[in-house]
């Protein structure tokens, strides 16, 4: 990795792209320190500290702490992420969107434009809910129409500004801009979280326990990173053979290829969907000041919160963990089913004269691909589950609470790996150009 970066900086074009990306990230971090006018910046920090669950931990990690400090980019790119997921799911239900998706570059531009509009609409709704709902309870120093409008405009503009920065990074920088912005937000919180871990388990302890605790913390983090890398890089290649065709007096075709099926076919989407679904009731109850009490519904809410999972003193709440695992596996199958169509692939292969050795073209090919895909999805879902459950285990058993968990590490490692691949591809393209010019 270091060698790749070192060689990349020797190329002017790549160096400019990297420096452009770094400059944009500096702007993001500066914007995270700009307060919204008329807002009590300590309100969310105090309110967040009073929450018994961890429903907002993932949201705060995605915003890089901007949410708690109530900066102009408090909403960050979460409206864009939500908008992208909504549009992607709607392409299945709305034929017009499905046609756009298949309509090449022009279609993708139209979908991107729709995603932008939905992002602004979501940011407007979220900022209005925050300004009105929390403004009455102390978020605004003076609760009046002018201050509410100011907060709504500032937060909506901040979210749109970050979306614009993400698109500029994609165009002129390195990597997928939105993913890079999300990664820098998560990474910005990690030093503080790691310092907290070491203060909790290493500081003010004897040498032997401190060393053991340090080794365990480092080993767990390294293990999770390795698992994520294996998940992202693991591929099952299905061999494809193309039949020879006679055109005139010559034979064409007969080439061999493969269909690469990623082990983690759905990426981090199943984890985000499962976490959002589990935390939604907790968030709604928190916003309305309802904690459920000590009755049945109170226990249900505590069971939905991951901060109560894996606790030896209260094993009943770990039922929520089983529900979470089931949701991750379900969404892994669901999301893959809407992004990968074995029937369509089998038909395309048949039209092009391709076939899988030992499998008849058409329906037998689609059934074979479905069988292999189901097996791969399960392995990938189990890998995702292990990465995500490890932080819950150490949190419940040892009280090691961190906002960056399996979801955050999956995002960070995935973005870093994909960015490095893009750097390598840019260097490869440059070498080809140099060879042709020579």
Protein backbone atom coordinates (compact mmCIF):
# COMPACT_ATOMS: atom_id res chain seq x y z
CA UNK A 1 0.00 0.00 0.00
CA UNK A 2 2.76 2.47 0.95
CA UNK A 3 4.67 1.60 -2.22
CA UNK A 4 1.54 2.29 -4.31
CA UNK A 5 1.07 5.70 -2.68
CA UNK A 6 4.76 6.55 -3.04
CA UNK A 7 4.71 5.74 -6.75
CA UNK A 8 1.41 7.58 -7.19
CA UNK A 9 2.86 10.84 -5.87
CA UNK A 10 5.50 10.70 -8.60
CA UNK A 11 2.75 11.10 -11.22
CA UNK A 12 1.59 14.72 -11.56
CA UNK A 13 -2.03 13.94 -12.45
CA UNK A 14 -2.51 11.49 -9.58
CA UNK A 15 -0.69 13.79 -7.16
CA UNK A 16 -3.05 16.63 -8.07
CA UNK A 17 -6.06 14.35 -7.57
CA UNK A 18 -4.82 13.24 -4.15
CA UNK A 19 -4.05 16.81 -3.02
CA UNK A 20 -7.47 17.96 -4.29
CA UNK A 21 -9.15 15.23 -2.24
CA UNK A 22 -7.13 16.11 0.87
CA UNK A 23 -8.02 19.80 0.43
CA UNK A 24 -11.72 18.97 0.25
CA UNK A 25 -11.45 16.82 3.39
CA UNK A 26 -9.81 19.73 5.25
CA UNK A 27 -12.75 21.94 4.22
CA UNK A 28 -15.17 19.32 5.60
CA UNK A 29 -13.41 19.21 8.96
CA UNK A 30 -13.38 23.02 9.15
CA UNK A 31 -17.10 23.13 8.34
CA UNK A 32 -17.76 20.66 11.16
CA UNK A 33 -16.58 23.37 13.59
CA UNK A 34 -18.89 26.12 12.29
CA UNK A 35 -21.93 26.50 14.58
CA UNK A 36 -25.46 27.07 13.35
CA UNK A 37 -26.57 30.63 14.32
CA UNK A 38 -28.89 30.86 17.30
CA UNK A 39 -28.30 27.29 18.48
CA UNK A 40 -27.26 26.06 21.92
CA UNK A 41 -24.34 23.80 20.92
CA UNK A 42 -24.28 22.05 24.31
CA UNK A 43 -27.90 20.93 24.04
CA UNK A 44 -27.36 17.78 21.99
CA UNK A 45 -24.24 16.81 23.95
CA UNK A 46 -26.20 16.95 27.22
CA UNK A 47 -29.28 15.30 25.71
CA UNK A 48 -27.16 12.54 24.16
CA UNK A 49 -25.48 11.82 27.52
CA UNK A 50 -28.89 11.22 29.11
CA UNK A 51 -29.89 8.56 26.60
CA UNK A 52 -29.70 5.02 28.01
CA UNK A 53 -29.38 3.33 24.63
CA UNK A 54 -26.98 3.74 21.75
CA UNK A 55 -29.47 4.42 18.99
CA UNK A 56 -27.68 7.59 17.89
CA UNK A 57 -24.11 6.24 18.09
CA UNK A 58 -24.03 5.10 14.47
CA UNK A 59 -25.56 8.37 13.30
CA UNK A 60 -23.01 10.39 15.29
CA UNK A 61 -20.17 8.28 13.87
CA UNK A 62 -21.44 8.85 10.31
CA UNK A 63 -21.50 12.62 10.91
CA UNK A 64 -18.02 12.73 12.46
CA UNK A 65 -19.33 14.34 15.66
CA UNK A 66 -21.00 17.20 13.74
CA UNK A 67 -24.40 16.13 15.04
CA UNK A 68 -23.46 16.48 18.72
CA UNK A 69 -21.65 19.79 18.17
CA UNK A 70 -24.59 21.01 16.05
CA UNK A 71 -22.47 22.46 13.25
CA UNK A 72 -23.77 23.60 9.87
CA UNK A 73 -23.10 20.07 8.53
CA UNK A 74 -24.84 18.32 11.44
CA UNK A 75 -26.95 16.24 9.04
CA UNK A 76 -23.82 15.51 6.98
CA UNK A 77 -24.38 13.10 4.06
CA UNK A 78 -26.89 10.86 5.84
CA UNK A 79 -29.78 12.33 3.74
CA UNK A 80 -27.82 11.44 0.59
CA UNK A 81 -27.20 7.87 1.82
CA UNK A 82 -30.90 7.47 2.65
CA UNK A 83 -31.87 8.98 -0.70
CA UNK A 84 -29.56 6.63 -2.62
CA UNK A 85 -31.00 3.59 -0.85
CA UNK A 86 -34.58 4.74 -1.49
CA UNK A 87 -33.95 5.36 -5.20
CA UNK A 88 -32.15 2.03 -5.57
CA UNK A 89 -35.08 0.18 -4.03
CA UNK A 90 -37.61 2.14 -6.09
CA UNK A 91 -35.93 1.03 -9.32
CA UNK A 92 -37.52 -2.37 -8.67
CA UNK A 93 -41.02 -1.02 -8.10
CA UNK A 94 -41.05 1.73 -10.75
CA UNK A 95 -40.41 0.55 -14.34
CA UNK A 96 -39.45 4.08 -15.46
CA UNK A 97 -36.55 4.20 -13.02
CA UNK A 98 -35.49 0.70 -14.04
CA UNK A 99 -35.37 1.85 -17.67
CA UNK A 100 -33.23 4.84 -16.68
CA UNK A 101 -30.83 2.57 -14.84
CA UNK A 102 -30.37 0.44 -17.95
CA UNK A 103 -30.18 3.44 -20.30
CA UNK A 104 -26.44 3.93 -20.10
CA UNK A 105 -24.76 7.21 -19.10
CA UNK A 106 -27.79 9.40 -19.82
CA UNK A 107 -30.00 7.26 -17.63
CA UNK A 108 -27.50 7.33 -14.79
CA UNK A 109 -27.33 11.14 -15.02
CA UNK A 110 -31.13 11.36 -14.65
CA UNK A 111 -31.09 9.01 -11.63
CA UNK A 112 -28.28 11.08 -10.07
CA UNK A 113 -30.35 14.24 -10.53
CA UNK A 114 -33.40 12.59 -8.91
CA UNK A 115 -31.20 11.43 -6.02
CA UNK A 116 -30.02 15.01 -5.48
CA UNK A 117 -33.59 16.34 -5.32
CA UNK A 118 -34.64 13.63 -2.89
CA UNK A 119 -31.54 14.37 -0.77
CA UNK A 120 -32.47 18.05 -0.45
CA UNK A 121 -36.09 17.11 0.37
CA UNK A 122 -34.98 14.68 3.09
CA UNK A 123 -32.54 17.23 4.53
CA UNK A 124 -35.35 19.79 4.60
CA UNK A 125 -37.67 17.39 6.44
CA UNK A 126 -35.00 16.27 8.94
CA UNK A 127 -33.78 19.80 9.68
CA UNK A 128 -37.38 21.02 10.14
CA UNK A 129 -38.11 18.18 12.56
CA UNK A 130 -34.96 18.97 14.56
CA UNK A 131 -35.54 22.74 14.61
CA UNK A 132 -39.20 22.48 15.62
CA UNK A 133 -39.09 19.35 17.80
CA UNK A 134 -35.89 20.12 19.75
CA UNK A 135 -36.15 23.90 19.45
CA UNK A 136 -38.96 24.03 21.97
CA UNK A 137 -36.92 22.01 24.45
CA UNK A 138 -33.78 24.12 24.47
CA UNK A 139 -31.96 23.59 21.16
CA UNK A 140 -32.67 27.18 20.10
CA UNK A 141 -31.59 30.02 22.35
CA UNK A 142 -34.70 31.94 21.27
CA UNK A 143 -37.49 29.84 19.86
CA UNK A 144 -39.15 31.90 17.14
CA UNK A 145 -39.98 31.57 13.44
CA UNK A 146 -36.83 33.40 12.27
CA UNK A 147 -34.47 31.13 14.23
CA UNK A 148 -36.33 28.01 13.09
CA UNK A 149 -36.02 29.08 9.44
CA UNK A 150 -32.33 29.91 9.97
CA UNK A 151 -31.59 26.45 11.37
CA UNK A 152 -33.55 24.69 8.61
CA UNK A 153 -31.78 26.65 5.85
CA UNK A 154 -28.33 26.19 7.43
CA UNK A 155 -28.65 22.43 7.96
CA UNK A 156 -30.19 21.83 4.52
CA UNK A 157 -27.50 23.92 2.83
CA UNK A 158 -24.79 22.11 4.80
CA UNK A 159 -26.06 18.70 3.65
CA UNK A 160 -26.31 19.90 0.03
CA UNK A 161 -22.80 21.38 0.27
CA UNK A 162 -21.35 18.04 1.41
CA UNK A 163 -23.18 16.27 -1.42
CA UNK A 164 -21.57 18.73 -3.85
CA UNK A 165 -18.12 18.13 -2.31
CA UNK A 166 -18.60 14.37 -2.64
CA UNK A 167 -19.43 14.72 -6.33
CA UNK A 168 -16.42 16.98 -6.92
CA UNK A 169 -14.12 14.44 -5.25
CA UNK A 170 -15.50 11.73 -7.51
CA UNK A 171 -14.92 13.93 -10.56
CA UNK A 172 -11.58 15.58 -9.76
CA UNK A 173 -10.17 13.60 -6.84
CA UNK A 174 -9.55 10.00 -5.82
CA UNK A 175 -12.21 7.42 -4.98
CA UNK A 176 -15.98 7.62 -4.64
CA UNK A 177 -16.56 11.06 -3.14
CA UNK A 178 -19.55 10.23 -0.92
CA UNK A 179 -17.74 7.15 0.45
CA UNK A 180 -14.59 9.20 1.09
CA UNK A 181 -16.59 11.86 2.98
CA UNK A 182 -18.29 9.18 5.08
CA UNK A 183 -14.93 7.54 5.82
CA UNK A 184 -13.23 10.74 6.98
CA UNK A 185 -16.17 11.38 9.32
CA UNK A 186 -15.79 7.94 10.90
CA UNK A 187 -11.98 8.14 11.06
CA UNK A 188 -12.14 11.56 12.76
CA UNK A 189 -13.87 9.92 15.75
CA UNK A 190 -11.55 6.94 16.06
CA UNK A 191 -8.59 8.56 17.90
CA UNK A 192 -10.91 9.81 20.64
CA UNK A 193 -12.55 6.38 20.93
CA UNK A 194 -9.19 4.56 21.05
CA UNK A 195 -7.91 6.93 23.74
CA UNK A 196 -11.06 6.21 25.74
CA UNK A 197 -10.48 2.44 25.43
CA UNK A 198 -6.90 2.67 26.62
CA UNK A 199 -7.89 4.94 29.52
CA UNK A 200 -10.56 2.42 30.53
CA UNK A 201 -8.49 -0.77 30.32
CA UNK A 202 -4.80 0.25 30.36
CA UNK A 203 -4.26 3.49 32.28
CA UNK A 204 -3.67 3.28 36.07
CA UNK A 205 -3.24 -0.51 35.97
CA UNK A 206 -0.29 -2.71 36.82
CA UNK A 207 2.17 -3.48 34.03
CA UNK A 208 1.09 -7.08 33.35
CA UNK A 209 -2.69 -6.43 33.10
CA UNK A 210 -2.05 -3.25 31.11
CA UNK A 211 0.11 -5.10 28.58
CA UNK A 212 -2.44 -7.92 28.24
CA UNK A 213 -5.28 -5.42 27.77
CA UNK A 214 -3.28 -3.50 25.13
CA UNK A 215 -2.49 -6.71 23.22
CA UNK A 216 -6.14 -7.81 23.30
CA UNK A 217 -7.42 -4.41 22.05
CA UNK A 218 -4.90 -4.31 19.19
CA UNK A 219 -5.48 -8.00 18.32
CA UNK A 220 -9.28 -7.57 18.15
CA UNK A 221 -8.99 -4.50 15.91
CA UNK A 222 -6.47 -6.25 13.61
CA UNK A 223 -8.64 -9.39 13.49
CA UNK A 224 -11.70 -7.37 12.47
CA UNK A 225 -9.76 -5.49 9.77
CA UNK A 226 -8.40 -8.79 8.37
CA UNK A 227 -11.91 -10.30 8.34
CA UNK A 228 -13.27 -7.27 6.49
CA UNK A 229 -10.46 -7.43 3.92
CA UNK A 230 -11.14 -11.14 3.36
CA UNK A 231 -14.87 -10.43 2.97
CA UNK A 232 -14.29 -7.64 0.45
CA UNK A 233 -11.64 -9.41 -1.59
CA UNK A 234 -13.16 -12.90 -1.57
CA UNK A 235 -14.52 -13.87 -5.00
CA UNK A 236 -15.99 -17.09 -6.42
CA UNK A 237 -15.26 -17.22 -10.15
CA UNK A 238 -17.73 -19.16 -12.27
CA UNK A 239 -16.01 -20.28 -15.52
CA UNK A 240 -17.78 -19.39 -18.78
CA UNK A 241 -16.92 -20.85 -22.19
CA UNK A 242 -18.03 -19.24 -25.47
CA UNK A 243 -18.75 -21.47 -28.44
CA UNK A 244 -16.95 -20.99 -31.75
CA UNK A 245 -18.91 -19.44 -34.62
CA UNK A 246 -18.27 -19.68 -38.37
CA UNK A 247 -18.33 -16.31 -40.15
CA UNK A 248 -17.34 -16.61 -43.78
CA UNK A 249 -14.34 -18.89 -43.93
CA UNK A 250 -13.05 -18.09 -40.46
CA UNK A 251 -13.91 -19.31 -36.97
CA UNK A 252 -14.57 -16.74 -34.27
CA UNK A 253 -15.14 -17.06 -30.53
CA UNK A 254 -14.13 -19.97 -28.40
CA UNK A 255 -12.84 -17.67 -25.68
CA UNK A 256 -13.15 -18.44 -21.99
CA UNK A 257 -14.14 -16.00 -19.26
CA UNK A 258 -15.65 -16.06 -15.79
CA UNK A 259 -18.42 -14.52 -13.71
CA UNK A 260 -16.93 -13.08 -10.50
CA UNK A 261 -19.31 -13.48 -7.55
CA UNK A 262 -18.16 -11.52 -4.51
CA UNK A 263 -18.39 -13.27 -1.15
CA UNK A 264 -19.80 -10.11 0.39
CA UNK A 265 -22.24 -9.48 -2.44
CA UNK A 266 -24.31 -6.82 -0.63
CA UNK A 267 -21.46 -4.91 1.00
CA UNK A 268 -22.34 -3.01 4.17
CA UNK A 269 -26.00 -2.47 3.15
CA UNK A 270 -27.43 -5.42 5.20
CA UNK A 271 -25.76 -4.09 8.36
CA UNK A 272 -27.04 -0.54 7.79
CA UNK A 273 -30.57 -1.78 7.06
CA UNK A 274 -30.61 -4.12 10.07
CA UNK A 275 -29.19 -1.45 12.42
CA UNK A 276 -31.64 1.17 11.18
CA UNK A 277 -34.62 -1.15 11.59
CA UNK A 278 -33.55 -2.15 15.12
CA UNK A 279 -32.87 1.43 16.22
CA UNK A 280 -35.88 3.10 14.61
CA UNK A 281 -38.34 2.34 17.49
CA UNK A 282 -35.70 3.39 20.05
CA UNK A 283 -35.04 6.67 18.24
CA UNK A 284 -38.74 7.50 17.91
CA UNK A 285 -39.32 6.81 21.61
CA UNK A 286 -36.27 8.91 22.56
CA UNK A 287 -37.46 11.85 20.48
CA UNK A 288 -40.83 11.79 22.27
CA UNK A 289 -39.24 11.30 25.68
CA UNK A 290 -40.58 7.77 26.11
CA UNK A 291 -38.29 5.17 27.70
CA UNK A 292 -40.85 2.39 28.08
CA UNK A 293 -40.55 2.14 31.85
CA UNK A 294 -40.00 -1.19 33.58
CA UNK A 295 -42.88 -3.00 31.93
CA UNK A 296 -42.99 -5.25 28.90
CA UNK A 297 -42.44 -2.48 26.33
CA UNK A 298 -39.57 -1.10 28.37
CA UNK A 299 -37.85 -4.48 28.16
CA UNK A 300 -38.54 -4.64 24.43
CA UNK A 301 -36.89 -1.24 23.89
CA UNK A 302 -33.87 -2.25 25.98
CA UNK A 303 -33.63 -5.49 24.01
CA UNK A 304 -33.50 -3.54 20.75
CA UNK A 305 -30.55 -1.46 21.97
CA UNK A 306 -27.17 -3.09 21.28
CA UNK A 307 -25.72 -1.56 24.47
CA UNK A 308 -27.73 -4.18 26.43
CA UNK A 309 -26.65 -7.21 24.39
CA UNK A 310 -24.25 -9.90 25.64
CA UNK A 311 -24.51 -8.78 29.26
CA UNK A 312 -24.00 -11.79 31.58
CA UNK A 313 -26.22 -10.15 34.23
CA UNK A 314 -29.15 -9.66 31.81
CA UNK A 315 -29.01 -12.42 29.18
CA UNK A 316 -32.68 -11.95 28.24
CA UNK A 317 -31.84 -8.77 26.29
CA UNK A 318 -29.49 -10.73 24.02
CA UNK A 319 -32.59 -11.97 22.20
CA UNK A 320 -32.32 -8.64 20.40
CA UNK A 321 -28.92 -9.76 19.10
CA UNK A 322 -30.50 -12.87 17.58
CA UNK A 323 -33.09 -10.69 15.85
CA UNK A 324 -30.28 -8.46 14.57
CA UNK A 325 -28.34 -11.44 13.15
CA UNK A 326 -31.49 -12.73 11.44
CA UNK A 327 -32.09 -9.29 9.89
CA UNK A 328 -28.50 -9.07 8.59
CA UNK A 329 -28.85 -12.45 6.89
CA UNK A 330 -32.30 -11.57 5.51
CA UNK A 331 -31.16 -8.23 4.06
CA UNK A 332 -28.05 -9.86 2.58
CA UNK A 333 -30.31 -12.15 0.54
CA UNK A 334 -32.86 -9.41 -0.16
CA UNK A 335 -30.39 -6.79 -1.42
CA UNK A 336 -28.48 -9.29 -3.54
CA UNK A 337 -31.73 -10.48 -5.11
CA UNK A 338 -32.50 -6.96 -6.36
CA UNK A 339 -28.98 -6.20 -7.64
CA UNK A 340 -28.05 -9.57 -9.18
CA UNK A 341 -30.44 -11.33 -11.57
CA UNK A 342 -29.30 -14.91 -12.45
CA UNK A 343 -32.11 -15.30 -15.03
CA UNK A 344 -31.01 -12.18 -16.93
CA UNK A 345 -27.35 -13.23 -16.82
CA UNK A 346 -28.22 -16.74 -18.07
CA UNK A 347 -30.25 -15.28 -20.95
CA UNK A 348 -27.45 -12.90 -21.94
CA UNK A 349 -24.93 -15.74 -21.87
CA UNK A 350 -27.20 -17.85 -24.06
CA UNK A 351 -27.59 -15.04 -26.62
CA UNK A 352 -23.81 -14.59 -26.79
CA UNK A 353 -23.17 -18.31 -27.16
CA UNK A 354 -21.72 -18.67 -23.67
CA UNK A 355 -22.22 -21.54 -21.27
CA UNK A 356 -20.90 -22.84 -17.98
CA UNK A 357 -18.99 -26.12 -18.55
CA UNK A 358 -21.20 -29.05 -17.57
CA UNK A 359 -24.35 -26.87 -17.29
CA UNK A 360 -26.92 -26.50 -20.06
CA UNK A 361 -27.70 -22.92 -21.21
CA UNK A 362 -30.93 -21.20 -20.18
CA UNK A 363 -32.91 -22.25 -17.11
CA UNK A 364 -30.37 -24.84 -15.82
CA UNK A 365 -27.71 -22.09 -15.87
CA UNK A 366 -29.89 -19.65 -13.90
CA UNK A 367 -30.72 -22.39 -11.35
CA UNK A 368 -27.03 -23.23 -11.01
CA UNK A 369 -26.10 -19.56 -10.49
CA UNK A 370 -28.90 -19.15 -7.94
CA UNK A 371 -27.68 -22.21 -6.00
CA UNK A 372 -24.07 -20.96 -5.93
CA UNK A 373 -25.20 -17.43 -5.09
CA UNK A 374 -27.33 -18.57 -2.14
CA UNK A 375 -24.34 -20.47 -0.74
CA UNK A 376 -22.03 -17.47 -1.18
CA UNK A 377 -24.52 -15.00 0.32
CA UNK A 378 -24.80 -17.12 3.46
CA UNK A 379 -21.01 -17.21 3.89
CA UNK A 380 -20.79 -13.44 3.36
CA UNK A 381 -23.66 -12.79 5.79
CA UNK A 382 -21.98 -14.96 8.44
CA UNK A 383 -18.74 -13.02 7.94
CA UNK A 384 -20.59 -9.71 8.29
CA UNK A 385 -22.30 -11.00 11.42
CA UNK A 386 -18.99 -11.97 13.06
CA UNK A 387 -17.46 -8.56 12.33
CA UNK A 388 -20.51 -6.75 13.70
CA UNK A 389 -21.12 -8.95 16.75
CA UNK A 390 -17.55 -8.80 18.10
CA UNK A 391 -17.89 -5.15 19.29
CA UNK A 392 -21.28 -5.98 20.88
CA UNK A 393 -19.68 -8.90 22.75
CA UNK A 394 -16.84 -6.83 24.18
CA UNK A 395 -19.23 -4.01 24.98
CA UNK A 396 -21.63 -6.28 26.88
CA UNK A 397 -19.05 -8.43 28.68
CA UNK A 398 -16.28 -5.87 29.33
CA UNK A 399 -18.07 -2.54 28.91
CA UNK A 400 -15.83 -1.50 26.00
CA UNK A 401 -18.22 0.96 24.39
CA UNK A 402 -17.11 2.54 21.11
CA UNK A 403 -19.13 4.32 18.43
CA UNK A 404 -17.06 2.76 15.63
CA UNK A 405 -18.00 -0.89 15.38
CA UNK A 406 -18.18 -3.49 12.68
CA UNK A 407 -20.22 -1.25 10.38
CA UNK A 408 -17.68 1.56 10.54
CA UNK A 409 -14.70 -0.74 10.00
CA UNK A 410 -16.38 -2.36 7.00
CA UNK A 411 -16.92 1.07 5.45
CA UNK A 412 -13.37 2.27 6.19
CA UNK A 413 -11.62 -0.83 4.87
CA UNK A 414 -13.89 -1.05 1.81
CA UNK A 415 -13.30 2.59 0.86
CA UNK A 416 -9.52 2.37 1.41
CA UNK A 417 -9.25 -0.81 -0.70
CA UNK A 418 -11.39 0.63 -3.52
CA UNK A 419 -9.47 3.92 -3.48
CA UNK A 420 -6.13 2.12 -3.74
CA UNK A 421 -7.50 0.08 -6.63
CA UNK A 422 -8.46 3.30 -8.41
CA UNK A 423 -4.96 4.70 -7.84
CA UNK A 424 -3.45 1.54 -9.31
CA UNK A 425 -5.80 1.67 -12.32
CA UNK A 426 -4.88 5.33 -12.96
CA UNK A 427 -1.19 4.42 -12.87
CA UNK A 428 -1.84 1.50 -15.23
CA UNK A 429 -3.69 3.75 -17.69
CA UNK A 430 -0.82 6.24 -17.57
CA UNK A 431 1.70 3.47 -18.34
CA UNK A 432 -0.36 2.37 -21.35
CA UNK A 433 -0.54 5.95 -22.60
CA UNK A 434 3.21 6.36 -22.18
CA UNK A 435 3.82 3.14 -24.06
CA UNK A 436 1.58 4.20 -26.95
CA UNK A 437 3.18 7.66 -27.12
CA UNK A 438 6.63 6.11 -27.29
